[in-house]
């Protein structure tokens, strides 16, 4: 973490009971709501300045929906997202992003940005690199003329591209270079918070390592705070300070990266870690998890994971566990196995 930010003990982001539910309607002319998809449900966590928090889980578990709802790309169904920009020392106001309308959100867009998953579809093929990277500055009227060009050239250098790349179009670049353009676009307004939505999943393994190293270097230089979304739990180990494991729209475990990998608590976390390939052909790969991820539109009663859980017992199919802090360590788990080990 950045030294100046690390001393700040106040959270940049406080997410409380955040929910994003999508209504399901019947077919035909007389459409009626027949259900709801709980894509993100009762999400709670704090994010410290300079920290990297990972959101991991299988596809469809609600990671991307959670990230986009925090940034207000999606409007929350309920809950609060309290935001305080540690870079703005003159304004210590805490703002609930969930309560703002589009007009009130616009000036805050400069402080919160997203890096998208697909570097091929997230860049407009008809715009040059200069226009893509400069667009946020133009929209928010933060620079123009030679100053704008200078800022674009400077940020391209920071992400490992050359200033002369400004006049080229996205098709002229590799996947890794395109993702660097996306990173430059996110950084151009010097934001405090960046949500990396599967930012390396579409890249080759060798390129993934380069981009992750770049993100870490940029975090040190610009004092960035990340929410790093990934379905590959082995990737987040190298960049995240803490990891939140999600299943069926809920966080089931939240711990530091080291604690999570050294001593996973939730059965789902253990299953995810068992599926991580080991770089030794003599060691067999164990896969403890079977079945499909729960349908967020038709969740089972009780714990959503209980139909797949090898440790399922009596209360699991009737009582939904809450995310509670354990007595022994600074970590949170939503599992009935630890109901006697939580803080009162």
Protein backbone atom coordinates (compact mmCIF):
# COMPACT_ATOMS: atom_id res chain seq x y z
CA UNK A 1 0.00 0.00 0.00
CA UNK A 2 0.98 3.64 -0.37
CA UNK A 3 2.67 4.86 2.81
CA UNK A 4 0.63 8.09 2.97
CA UNK A 5 -2.63 6.22 2.52
CA UNK A 6 -1.71 3.34 4.80
CA UNK A 7 -1.73 5.63 7.83
CA UNK A 8 -5.36 6.57 7.16
CA UNK A 9 -7.44 4.22 9.31
CA UNK A 10 -10.78 5.38 7.93
CA UNK A 11 -12.37 3.32 5.16
CA UNK A 12 -12.59 4.79 1.69
CA UNK A 13 -15.64 2.66 0.99
CA UNK A 14 -18.24 1.24 3.38
CA UNK A 15 -20.67 -1.12 1.67
CA UNK A 16 -23.68 -1.97 3.83
CA UNK A 17 -26.46 -4.46 2.97
CA UNK A 18 -26.03 -3.72 -0.74
CA UNK A 19 -28.54 -5.57 -2.93
CA UNK A 20 -29.18 -5.65 -6.65
CA UNK A 21 -32.26 -7.65 -7.63
CA UNK A 22 -33.58 -8.02 -11.15
CA UNK A 23 -37.32 -8.69 -11.63
CA UNK A 24 -38.41 -11.68 -13.72
CA UNK A 25 -41.53 -11.23 -15.86
CA UNK A 26 -43.84 -13.75 -17.50
CA UNK A 27 -44.04 -13.95 -21.29
CA UNK A 28 -46.90 -12.63 -23.41
CA UNK A 29 -48.84 -9.39 -23.62
CA UNK A 30 -50.00 -9.34 -19.99
CA UNK A 31 -46.57 -9.42 -18.42
CA UNK A 32 -46.48 -9.93 -14.68
CA UNK A 33 -43.57 -10.17 -12.31
CA UNK A 34 -43.20 -13.83 -11.39
CA UNK A 35 -39.92 -13.75 -9.53
CA UNK A 36 -36.66 -11.98 -8.79
CA UNK A 37 -33.02 -12.70 -9.49
CA UNK A 38 -30.88 -11.84 -6.48
CA UNK A 39 -27.68 -11.09 -8.39
CA UNK A 40 -26.12 -9.36 -5.36
CA UNK A 41 -27.66 -9.76 -1.94
CA UNK A 42 -26.69 -8.25 1.42
CA UNK A 43 -23.11 -7.35 0.49
CA UNK A 44 -21.09 -5.93 3.40
CA UNK A 45 -17.44 -4.90 3.52
CA UNK A 46 -15.07 -1.98 4.13
CA UNK A 47 -12.33 -0.95 1.71
CA UNK A 48 -9.31 0.88 3.10
CA UNK A 49 -7.32 3.51 1.16
CA UNK A 50 -4.52 1.93 -0.86
CA UNK A 51 -5.94 -1.57 -0.42
CA UNK A 52 -6.73 -4.18 -3.05
CA UNK A 53 -9.82 -6.25 -2.30
CA UNK A 54 -10.49 -9.30 -4.45
CA UNK A 55 -13.97 -10.54 -5.34
CA UNK A 56 -13.78 -14.17 -6.47
CA UNK A 57 -16.17 -17.00 -7.28
CA UNK A 58 -17.63 -19.02 -10.12
CA UNK A 59 -19.24 -17.34 -13.12
CA UNK A 60 -22.70 -16.08 -12.20
CA UNK A 61 -21.98 -15.55 -8.50
CA UNK A 62 -22.58 -11.77 -8.66
CA UNK A 63 -19.03 -10.37 -8.69
CA UNK A 64 -19.46 -8.06 -11.68
CA UNK A 65 -22.95 -6.98 -10.59
CA UNK A 66 -21.54 -6.02 -7.19
CA UNK A 67 -18.72 -3.99 -8.75
CA UNK A 68 -21.00 -2.18 -11.17
CA UNK A 69 -23.57 -1.45 -8.46
CA UNK A 70 -20.87 0.07 -6.24
CA UNK A 71 -19.83 2.39 -9.09
CA UNK A 72 -23.51 3.10 -9.84
CA UNK A 73 -23.34 1.70 -13.36
CA UNK A 74 -26.34 -0.18 -11.97
CA UNK A 75 -28.78 1.32 -9.49
CA UNK A 76 -28.96 -0.66 -6.23
CA UNK A 77 -32.22 -2.20 -5.08
CA UNK A 78 -31.35 -1.21 -1.52
CA UNK A 79 -28.38 -0.67 0.74
CA UNK A 80 -25.71 2.00 1.01
CA UNK A 81 -22.28 2.69 -0.51
CA UNK A 82 -20.49 5.28 1.63
CA UNK A 83 -17.56 6.83 -0.25
CA UNK A 84 -14.80 9.10 1.05
CA UNK A 85 -12.00 10.18 -1.26
CA UNK A 86 -8.72 10.10 0.74
CA UNK A 87 -6.96 12.10 -2.01
CA UNK A 88 -9.24 15.08 -1.43
CA UNK A 89 -7.90 16.37 1.88
CA UNK A 90 -9.97 19.55 1.72
CA UNK A 91 -13.25 17.62 1.67
CA UNK A 92 -13.78 14.92 4.28
CA UNK A 93 -17.44 14.46 3.40
CA UNK A 94 -18.72 10.88 3.24
CA UNK A 95 -21.16 10.45 0.35
CA UNK A 96 -23.73 7.68 -0.04
CA UNK A 97 -23.42 6.82 -3.71
CA UNK A 98 -26.58 4.72 -3.59
CA UNK A 99 -28.73 7.78 -2.93
CA UNK A 100 -27.44 10.05 -5.71
CA UNK A 101 -29.13 10.76 -9.03
CA UNK A 102 -27.26 10.94 -12.34
CA UNK A 103 -26.64 14.69 -12.10
CA UNK A 104 -25.16 14.36 -8.61
CA UNK A 105 -23.06 11.37 -9.67
CA UNK A 106 -21.38 13.03 -12.65
CA UNK A 107 -18.69 14.98 -10.74
CA UNK A 108 -17.87 11.83 -8.75
CA UNK A 109 -17.23 9.81 -11.93
CA UNK A 110 -13.75 11.34 -12.08
CA UNK A 111 -12.91 9.66 -8.75
CA UNK A 112 -14.16 6.16 -9.64
CA UNK A 113 -13.30 4.23 -12.79
CA UNK A 114 -13.55 0.70 -14.20
CA UNK A 115 -11.23 -1.49 -16.25
CA UNK A 116 -13.34 -3.86 -18.32
CA UNK A 117 -12.86 -7.55 -19.00
CA UNK A 118 -12.66 -7.67 -22.78
CA UNK A 119 -10.02 -5.37 -24.30
CA UNK A 120 -11.46 -6.10 -27.76
CA UNK A 121 -15.04 -4.93 -27.16
CA UNK A 122 -14.41 -2.21 -24.54
CA UNK A 123 -12.59 0.05 -27.03
CA UNK A 124 -14.38 1.84 -29.86
CA UNK A 125 -12.78 0.53 -33.10
CA UNK A 126 -13.55 3.81 -34.89
CA UNK A 127 -11.65 5.99 -32.42
CA UNK A 128 -7.91 6.50 -32.25
CA UNK A 129 -6.02 5.78 -29.04
CA UNK A 130 -5.73 9.51 -28.45
CA UNK A 131 -9.51 9.97 -28.68
CA UNK A 132 -10.24 6.93 -26.48
CA UNK A 133 -7.91 7.99 -23.68
CA UNK A 134 -8.77 11.69 -23.92
CA UNK A 135 -12.56 11.22 -23.98
CA UNK A 136 -13.04 11.38 -20.16
CA UNK A 137 -11.07 14.64 -20.01
CA UNK A 138 -13.21 16.12 -22.77
CA UNK A 139 -16.50 15.01 -21.21
CA UNK A 140 -15.59 16.51 -17.83
CA UNK A 141 -13.91 19.55 -19.39
CA UNK A 142 -10.65 18.94 -17.53
CA UNK A 143 -8.22 19.67 -20.36
CA UNK A 144 -8.05 20.76 -23.97
CA UNK A 145 -5.58 21.53 -26.76
CA UNK A 146 -1.89 20.88 -26.12
CA UNK A 147 -2.47 20.20 -22.42
CA UNK A 148 -4.83 17.35 -23.32
CA UNK A 149 -2.32 15.85 -25.76
CA UNK A 150 0.45 16.11 -23.20
CA UNK A 151 -1.63 14.31 -20.57
CA UNK A 152 -2.52 11.55 -23.02
CA UNK A 153 1.14 11.07 -24.00
CA UNK A 154 2.20 11.02 -20.36
CA UNK A 155 -0.33 8.39 -19.29
CA UNK A 156 0.47 6.20 -22.31
CA UNK A 157 4.11 6.14 -21.17
CA UNK A 158 3.01 5.17 -17.67
CA UNK A 159 1.18 2.08 -18.96
CA UNK A 160 4.03 0.96 -21.23
CA UNK A 161 2.91 2.40 -24.57
CA UNK A 162 4.57 5.00 -26.78
CA UNK A 163 3.25 8.54 -27.45
CA UNK A 164 3.29 7.84 -31.20
CA UNK A 165 0.66 5.15 -30.60
CA UNK A 166 -1.87 7.97 -30.18
CA UNK A 167 -2.79 8.04 -33.86
CA UNK A 168 -3.38 4.30 -34.21
CA UNK A 169 -6.68 2.41 -33.93
CA UNK A 170 -7.36 -0.47 -31.50
CA UNK A 171 -7.12 -3.16 -34.20
CA UNK A 172 -3.40 -2.43 -34.56
CA UNK A 173 -2.64 -3.66 -31.04
CA UNK A 174 -2.39 -7.01 -29.27
CA UNK A 175 -4.76 -8.00 -26.49
CA UNK A 176 -2.30 -6.99 -23.79
CA UNK A 177 -1.67 -3.62 -25.43
CA UNK A 178 -5.39 -2.98 -25.76
CA UNK A 179 -5.85 -3.65 -22.06
CA UNK A 180 -3.10 -1.12 -21.39
CA UNK A 181 -5.12 1.40 -23.39
CA UNK A 182 -8.12 0.61 -21.18
CA UNK A 183 -5.97 1.11 -18.09
CA UNK A 184 -4.74 4.47 -19.46
CA UNK A 185 -8.34 5.56 -20.04
CA UNK A 186 -9.21 4.68 -16.43
CA UNK A 187 -6.17 6.51 -15.04
CA UNK A 188 -6.34 9.70 -17.10
CA UNK A 189 -8.46 11.56 -14.51
CA UNK A 190 -6.37 10.40 -11.52
CA UNK A 191 -9.17 8.49 -9.75
CA UNK A 192 -9.03 7.19 -6.19
CA UNK A 193 -10.93 3.93 -6.78
CA UNK A 194 -10.70 1.53 -9.73
CA UNK A 195 -12.83 -1.58 -10.20
CA UNK A 196 -10.90 -4.14 -12.27
CA UNK A 197 -13.63 -6.35 -13.75
CA UNK A 198 -11.87 -9.56 -14.85
CA UNK A 199 -9.13 -7.28 -16.17
CA UNK A 200 -6.72 -10.13 -17.02
CA UNK A 201 -9.02 -13.11 -17.70
CA UNK A 202 -9.06 -12.55 -21.48
CA UNK A 203 -5.25 -12.43 -21.71
CA UNK A 204 -2.56 -15.08 -22.10
CA UNK A 205 -0.92 -16.24 -18.87
CA UNK A 206 2.38 -14.46 -19.58
CA UNK A 207 0.54 -11.25 -20.43
CA UNK A 208 -1.60 -11.61 -17.30
CA UNK A 209 1.54 -11.43 -15.16
CA UNK A 210 2.71 -8.29 -16.98
CA UNK A 211 -0.63 -6.52 -16.51
CA UNK A 212 -0.84 -7.50 -12.83
CA UNK A 213 2.67 -6.15 -12.25
CA UNK A 214 1.69 -2.97 -14.08
CA UNK A 215 -1.41 -2.53 -11.89
CA UNK A 216 0.70 -2.94 -8.76
CA UNK A 217 3.28 -0.40 -9.97
CA UNK A 218 0.53 2.10 -10.85
CA UNK A 219 -1.06 1.59 -7.43
CA UNK A 220 2.20 2.52 -5.76
CA UNK A 221 2.74 5.56 -7.98
CA UNK A 222 -0.77 7.02 -8.01
CA UNK A 223 -2.11 5.91 -4.63
CA UNK A 224 -4.88 3.78 -6.13
CA UNK A 225 -7.40 1.57 -4.37
CA UNK A 226 -8.62 -1.50 -6.26
CA UNK A 227 -11.57 -3.84 -6.24
CA UNK A 228 -10.18 -6.73 -8.26
CA UNK A 229 -12.82 -9.07 -9.69
CA UNK A 230 -11.72 -12.51 -10.92
CA UNK A 231 -13.03 -16.05 -11.25
CA UNK A 232 -9.51 -17.51 -10.94
CA UNK A 233 -8.67 -17.49 -7.24
CA UNK A 234 -4.98 -18.16 -7.93
CA UNK A 235 -4.69 -14.83 -9.79
CA UNK A 236 -5.94 -12.70 -6.89
CA UNK A 237 -3.36 -14.19 -4.50
CA UNK A 238 -0.60 -12.12 -6.10
CA UNK A 239 -2.30 -8.73 -6.10
CA UNK A 240 -4.93 -8.65 -3.32
CA UNK A 241 -4.53 -7.70 0.35
CA UNK A 242 -7.89 -9.25 1.22
CA UNK A 243 -10.22 -11.59 -0.62
CA UNK A 244 -14.02 -11.85 -0.50
CA UNK A 245 -15.36 -15.18 -1.80
CA UNK A 246 -18.83 -14.93 -3.35
CA UNK A 247 -21.45 -17.58 -3.98
CA UNK A 248 -24.96 -17.06 -5.37
CA UNK A 249 -24.89 -13.29 -4.85
CA UNK A 250 -23.50 -13.33 -1.30
CA UNK A 251 -20.10 -13.08 0.35
CA UNK A 252 -19.43 -16.38 2.13
CA UNK A 253 -15.90 -15.67 3.37
CA UNK A 254 -13.77 -12.55 3.82
CA UNK A 255 -10.15 -12.74 4.97
CA UNK A 256 -6.64 -11.58 4.23
CA UNK A 257 -5.05 -13.23 1.22
CA UNK A 258 -2.53 -15.16 3.31
CA UNK A 259 -5.12 -16.42 5.80
CA UNK A 260 -7.50 -17.47 3.07
CA UNK A 261 -4.93 -19.56 1.25
CA UNK A 262 -3.28 -20.95 4.38
CA UNK A 263 -6.45 -21.80 6.28
CA UNK A 264 -9.71 -21.58 4.27
CA UNK A 265 -12.82 -21.89 6.42
CA UNK A 266 -15.90 -22.07 4.21
CA UNK A 267 -16.41 -25.37 2.33
CA UNK A 268 -16.88 -23.44 -0.91
CA UNK A 269 -13.53 -21.67 -0.46
CA UNK A 270 -11.86 -25.02 0.20
CA UNK A 271 -13.39 -26.39 -3.01
CA UNK A 272 -12.17 -23.42 -5.06
CA UNK A 273 -8.65 -23.81 -3.73
CA UNK A 274 -8.67 -27.55 -4.39
CA UNK A 275 -9.31 -26.80 -8.08
CA UNK A 276 -6.21 -24.60 -8.47
CA UNK A 277 -3.70 -26.44 -10.71
CA UNK A 278 -0.38 -27.42 -9.10
CA UNK A 279 2.79 -27.06 -11.17
CA UNK A 280 3.83 -30.67 -10.53
CA UNK A 281 2.65 -33.49 -12.83
CA UNK A 282 3.23 -36.08 -10.07
CA UNK A 283 0.70 -34.47 -7.73
CA UNK A 284 -2.89 -35.37 -8.72
CA UNK A 285 -5.36 -32.51 -8.97
CA UNK A 286 -8.19 -32.85 -6.45
CA UNK A 287 -11.63 -31.43 -7.27
CA UNK A 288 -13.96 -31.47 -4.29
CA UNK A 289 -16.83 -29.53 -5.85
CA UNK A 290 -19.57 -31.04 -8.01
CA UNK A 291 -22.84 -29.76 -9.45
CA UNK A 292 -23.77 -26.34 -10.81
CA UNK A 293 -23.73 -22.96 -9.11
CA UNK A 294 -27.10 -22.11 -7.56
CA UNK A 295 -29.58 -20.24 -9.75
CA UNK A 296 -29.96 -16.75 -8.18
CA UNK A 297 -33.54 -16.71 -9.49
CA UNK A 298 -34.45 -19.95 -7.72
CA UNK A 299 -32.24 -20.21 -4.67
CA UNK A 300 -32.65 -23.22 -2.38
CA UNK A 301 -33.89 -22.64 1.15
CA UNK A 302 -31.32 -22.13 3.86
CA UNK A 303 -27.70 -21.89 2.76
CA UNK A 304 -27.52 -21.59 -1.04
CA UNK A 305 -24.45 -23.82 -1.08
CA UNK A 306 -25.91 -26.72 0.92
CA UNK A 307 -26.94 -28.91 -2.11
CA UNK A 308 -23.24 -29.07 -3.12
CA UNK A 309 -21.63 -28.90 0.32
CA UNK A 310 -19.77 -32.00 1.61
CA UNK A 311 -20.12 -30.68 5.18
CA UNK A 312 -23.89 -30.06 5.07
CA UNK A 313 -25.76 -30.86 8.30
CA UNK A 314 -29.15 -30.26 9.92
CA UNK A 315 -29.60 -26.43 9.92
CA UNK A 316 -28.05 -25.83 6.49
CA UNK A 317 -31.18 -26.48 4.41
CA UNK A 318 -33.50 -24.32 6.52
CA UNK A 319 -31.46 -21.44 7.97
CA UNK A 320 -29.47 -18.94 5.91
CA UNK A 321 -26.13 -18.17 7.61
CA UNK A 322 -25.06 -14.54 8.01
CA UNK A 323 -21.56 -13.24 7.37
CA UNK A 324 -20.14 -13.01 10.91
CA UNK A 325 -16.73 -12.22 12.35
CA UNK A 326 -14.87 -15.11 13.97
CA UNK A 327 -13.57 -14.76 17.52
CA UNK A 328 -10.08 -16.01 16.87
CA UNK A 329 -9.10 -14.02 13.78
CA UNK A 330 -9.96 -10.86 11.87
CA UNK A 331 -11.99 -12.73 9.28
CA UNK A 332 -15.63 -13.29 8.40
CA UNK A 333 -17.43 -16.49 7.42
CA UNK A 334 -21.06 -17.27 6.54
CA UNK A 335 -21.31 -20.93 7.57
CA UNK A 336 -23.16 -22.86 10.30
CA UNK A 337 -19.99 -24.86 10.98
CA UNK A 338 -18.60 -21.84 12.83
CA UNK A 339 -21.73 -20.60 14.63
CA UNK A 340 -20.08 -21.26 18.02
CA UNK A 341 -16.89 -19.41 17.04
CA UNK A 342 -18.31 -16.00 16.13
CA UNK A 343 -18.20 -12.77 18.08
CA UNK A 344 -21.35 -12.06 20.03
